[in-house]
Amino acid sequence: MDANPPQTTVTVHPPGPDGARPVTAGDRKLGVAHRIEDLVKFLRHVGLDDIEIEETDLIEWQGGGPESWDAL
């Protein structure tokens, strides 16, 4: 686990052609999420394991919220 949680908002970018969503924290790439479980794993890795994904201000959803995992 990363000892320093991100100081910036975690951004879940819009789904790509395959529905996968890049995830970043500032300029740091956390990975590509194919489903909500992937996002949870990335958040745990940076020390954000006790947040309500749908209700937190720490996540910026672009191109759809937590229910959007289909290709655009």
N, C-alpha and C. Protein backbone atom coordinates (compact mmCIF):
# COMPACT_ATOMS: atom_id res chain seq x y z
N MET A 1 0.84 -1.17 0.00
CA MET A 1 0.00 0.00 0.00
C MET A 1 0.89 1.23 0.00
N ASP A 2 0.48 2.25 -0.74
CA ASP A 2 1.19 3.51 -0.81
C ASP A 2 1.01 4.25 0.51
N ALA A 3 2.10 4.67 1.12
CA ALA A 3 2.03 5.34 2.41
C ALA A 3 1.49 6.76 2.28
N ASN A 4 1.49 7.31 1.08
CA ASN A 4 1.02 8.66 0.86
C ASN A 4 -0.20 8.68 -0.05
N PRO A 5 -1.41 8.75 0.53
CA PRO A 5 -2.60 8.83 -0.31
C PRO A 5 -2.54 10.05 -1.22
N PRO A 6 -3.21 9.98 -2.37
CA PRO A 6 -3.15 11.10 -3.30
C PRO A 6 -3.68 12.37 -2.65
N GLN A 7 -3.01 13.49 -2.91
CA GLN A 7 -3.43 14.77 -2.38
C GLN A 7 -4.43 15.45 -3.31
N THR A 8 -4.60 14.90 -4.49
CA THR A 8 -5.54 15.46 -5.45
C THR A 8 -6.70 14.50 -5.64
N THR A 9 -7.68 14.97 -6.33
CA THR A 9 -8.84 14.16 -6.63
C THR A 9 -8.47 13.00 -7.55
N VAL A 10 -9.06 11.85 -7.29
CA VAL A 10 -8.92 10.71 -8.20
C VAL A 10 -9.92 10.92 -9.32
N THR A 11 -9.44 10.84 -10.56
CA THR A 11 -10.30 11.05 -11.72
C THR A 11 -10.53 9.73 -12.43
N VAL A 12 -11.81 9.41 -12.63
CA VAL A 12 -12.19 8.26 -13.44
C VAL A 12 -12.62 8.84 -14.78
N HIS A 13 -11.80 8.60 -15.79
CA HIS A 13 -12.00 9.19 -17.11
C HIS A 13 -13.11 8.46 -17.87
N PRO A 14 -13.61 9.08 -18.95
CA PRO A 14 -14.69 8.46 -19.71
C PRO A 14 -14.30 7.08 -20.24
N PRO A 15 -15.30 6.21 -20.42
CA PRO A 15 -15.02 4.88 -20.98
C PRO A 15 -14.45 4.98 -22.39
N GLY A 16 -13.50 4.09 -22.69
CA GLY A 16 -12.96 4.00 -24.04
C GLY A 16 -13.82 3.09 -24.89
N PRO A 17 -13.35 2.75 -26.07
CA PRO A 17 -14.11 1.90 -26.99
C PRO A 17 -14.51 0.55 -26.40
N ASP A 18 -13.70 0.04 -25.46
CA ASP A 18 -14.01 -1.26 -24.86
C ASP A 18 -14.72 -1.12 -23.51
N GLY A 19 -15.03 0.10 -23.10
CA GLY A 19 -15.71 0.34 -21.83
C GLY A 19 -14.77 0.56 -20.66
N ALA A 20 -13.47 0.34 -20.87
CA ALA A 20 -12.49 0.53 -19.79
C ALA A 20 -12.29 2.02 -19.53
N ARG A 21 -12.03 2.36 -18.26
CA ARG A 21 -11.89 3.76 -17.85
C ARG A 21 -10.54 3.99 -17.19
N PRO A 22 -9.70 4.85 -17.78
CA PRO A 22 -8.44 5.19 -17.13
C PRO A 22 -8.71 5.89 -15.80
N VAL A 23 -7.84 5.65 -14.82
CA VAL A 23 -7.98 6.24 -13.49
C VAL A 23 -6.66 6.93 -13.15
N THR A 24 -6.75 8.20 -12.75
CA THR A 24 -5.56 8.97 -12.40
C THR A 24 -5.78 9.70 -11.07
N ALA A 25 -4.66 10.08 -10.46
CA ALA A 25 -4.67 10.96 -9.29
C ALA A 25 -3.66 12.05 -9.61
N GLY A 26 -4.15 13.19 -10.01
CA GLY A 26 -3.26 14.24 -10.52
C GLY A 26 -2.62 13.75 -11.80
N ASP A 27 -1.30 13.80 -11.87
CA ASP A 27 -0.56 13.32 -13.04
C ASP A 27 -0.22 11.85 -12.94
N ARG A 28 -0.56 11.22 -11.84
CA ARG A 28 -0.21 9.81 -11.59
C ARG A 28 -1.27 8.88 -12.17
N LYS A 29 -0.85 7.96 -13.02
CA LYS A 29 -1.75 6.96 -13.58
C LYS A 29 -1.89 5.81 -12.59
N LEU A 30 -3.13 5.53 -12.18
CA LEU A 30 -3.37 4.44 -11.24
C LEU A 30 -3.68 3.13 -11.95
N GLY A 31 -4.19 3.21 -13.17
CA GLY A 31 -4.52 2.01 -13.93
C GLY A 31 -5.73 2.24 -14.81
N VAL A 32 -6.22 1.16 -15.39
CA VAL A 32 -7.41 1.18 -16.23
C VAL A 32 -8.43 0.24 -15.61
N ALA A 33 -9.58 0.80 -15.26
CA ALA A 33 -10.63 0.02 -14.61
C ALA A 33 -11.63 -0.48 -15.65
N HIS A 34 -11.95 -1.76 -15.56
CA HIS A 34 -12.95 -2.36 -16.44
C HIS A 34 -14.28 -2.52 -15.72
N ARG A 35 -14.25 -2.35 -14.41
CA ARG A 35 -15.46 -2.45 -13.59
C ARG A 35 -15.16 -1.79 -12.25
N ILE A 36 -16.17 -1.60 -11.45
CA ILE A 36 -16.05 -0.90 -10.17
C ILE A 36 -15.05 -1.59 -9.24
N GLU A 37 -14.96 -2.91 -9.30
CA GLU A 37 -14.02 -3.64 -8.45
C GLU A 37 -12.56 -3.25 -8.74
N ASP A 38 -12.27 -2.97 -10.01
CA ASP A 38 -10.92 -2.51 -10.37
C ASP A 38 -10.63 -1.17 -9.72
N LEU A 39 -11.60 -0.27 -9.76
CA LEU A 39 -11.43 1.04 -9.14
C LEU A 39 -11.17 0.90 -7.64
N VAL A 40 -11.93 0.04 -6.97
CA VAL A 40 -11.75 -0.19 -5.54
C VAL A 40 -10.32 -0.65 -5.26
N LYS A 41 -9.79 -1.53 -6.10
CA LYS A 41 -8.43 -2.03 -5.94
C LYS A 41 -7.41 -0.89 -6.07
N PHE A 42 -7.60 -0.02 -7.06
CA PHE A 42 -6.69 1.11 -7.24
C PHE A 42 -6.74 2.04 -6.04
N LEU A 43 -7.95 2.29 -5.53
CA LEU A 43 -8.10 3.18 -4.39
C LEU A 43 -7.42 2.61 -3.14
N ARG A 44 -7.56 1.31 -2.94
CA ARG A 44 -6.88 0.66 -1.81
C ARG A 44 -5.37 0.81 -1.91
N HIS A 45 -4.87 0.68 -3.12
CA HIS A 45 -3.42 0.76 -3.35
C HIS A 45 -2.87 2.13 -2.94
N VAL A 46 -3.67 3.17 -3.03
CA VAL A 46 -3.21 4.52 -2.66
C VAL A 46 -3.74 4.94 -1.30
N GLY A 47 -4.26 3.99 -0.52
CA GLY A 47 -4.66 4.28 0.86
C GLY A 47 -6.07 4.80 1.04
N LEU A 48 -6.90 4.68 0.03
CA LEU A 48 -8.30 5.14 0.12
C LEU A 48 -9.23 3.93 0.13
N ASP A 49 -9.17 3.16 1.21
CA ASP A 49 -9.95 1.93 1.22
C ASP A 49 -11.24 2.01 2.03
N ASP A 50 -11.52 3.13 2.66
CA ASP A 50 -12.73 3.26 3.45
C ASP A 50 -13.60 4.42 2.99
N ILE A 51 -13.80 4.54 1.68
CA ILE A 51 -14.64 5.63 1.19
C ILE A 51 -15.85 5.06 0.46
N GLU A 52 -16.92 5.83 0.46
CA GLU A 52 -18.12 5.48 -0.30
C GLU A 52 -17.93 6.01 -1.72
N ILE A 53 -17.67 5.12 -2.65
CA ILE A 53 -17.32 5.51 -4.01
C ILE A 53 -18.38 6.42 -4.65
N GLU A 54 -19.65 6.10 -4.45
CA GLU A 54 -20.70 6.87 -5.10
C GLU A 54 -20.95 8.22 -4.44
N GLU A 55 -20.45 8.42 -3.22
CA GLU A 55 -20.79 9.63 -2.47
C GLU A 55 -19.62 10.53 -2.11
N THR A 56 -18.41 10.13 -2.41
CA THR A 56 -17.25 10.91 -2.00
C THR A 56 -16.95 12.05 -2.97
N ASP A 57 -16.37 13.11 -2.42
CA ASP A 57 -15.89 14.22 -3.26
C ASP A 57 -14.45 13.98 -3.72
N LEU A 58 -13.85 12.86 -3.30
CA LEU A 58 -12.47 12.55 -3.67
C LEU A 58 -12.37 11.95 -5.07
N ILE A 59 -13.51 11.59 -5.66
CA ILE A 59 -13.51 11.00 -7.00
C ILE A 59 -14.26 11.92 -7.95
N GLU A 60 -13.61 12.25 -9.06
CA GLU A 60 -14.25 13.03 -10.12
C GLU A 60 -14.60 12.05 -11.25
N TRP A 61 -15.88 11.94 -11.53
CA TRP A 61 -16.36 11.03 -12.59
C TRP A 61 -16.54 11.83 -13.88
N GLN A 62 -15.87 11.41 -14.93
CA GLN A 62 -16.00 12.05 -16.24
C GLN A 62 -16.64 11.06 -17.20
N GLY A 63 -17.58 11.52 -17.98
CA GLY A 63 -18.21 10.64 -18.97
C GLY A 63 -19.14 9.62 -18.35
N GLY A 64 -19.71 9.91 -17.21
CA GLY A 64 -20.63 8.99 -16.55
C GLY A 64 -20.15 8.65 -15.15
N GLY A 65 -21.08 8.27 -14.30
CA GLY A 65 -20.76 7.95 -12.92
C GLY A 65 -20.36 6.51 -12.71
N PRO A 66 -20.50 6.05 -11.47
CA PRO A 66 -20.06 4.70 -11.11
C PRO A 66 -20.81 3.57 -11.81
N GLU A 67 -21.92 3.90 -12.45
CA GLU A 67 -22.69 2.87 -13.15
C GLU A 67 -22.30 2.76 -14.63
N SER A 68 -21.40 3.63 -15.11
CA SER A 68 -21.07 3.70 -16.54
C SER A 68 -19.78 2.94 -16.86
N TRP A 69 -19.93 1.75 -17.37
CA TRP A 69 -18.77 0.93 -17.76
C TRP A 69 -18.92 0.40 -19.16
N ASP A 70 -19.78 1.00 -19.96
CA ASP A 70 -19.98 0.58 -21.34
C ASP A 70 -19.24 1.54 -22.27
N ALA A 71 -18.88 1.05 -23.42
CA ALA A 71 -18.20 1.87 -24.41
C ALA A 71 -19.09 3.02 -24.83
N LEU A 72 -18.46 4.14 -25.14
CA LEU A 72 -19.22 5.30 -25.62
C LEU A 72 -19.57 5.15 -27.06
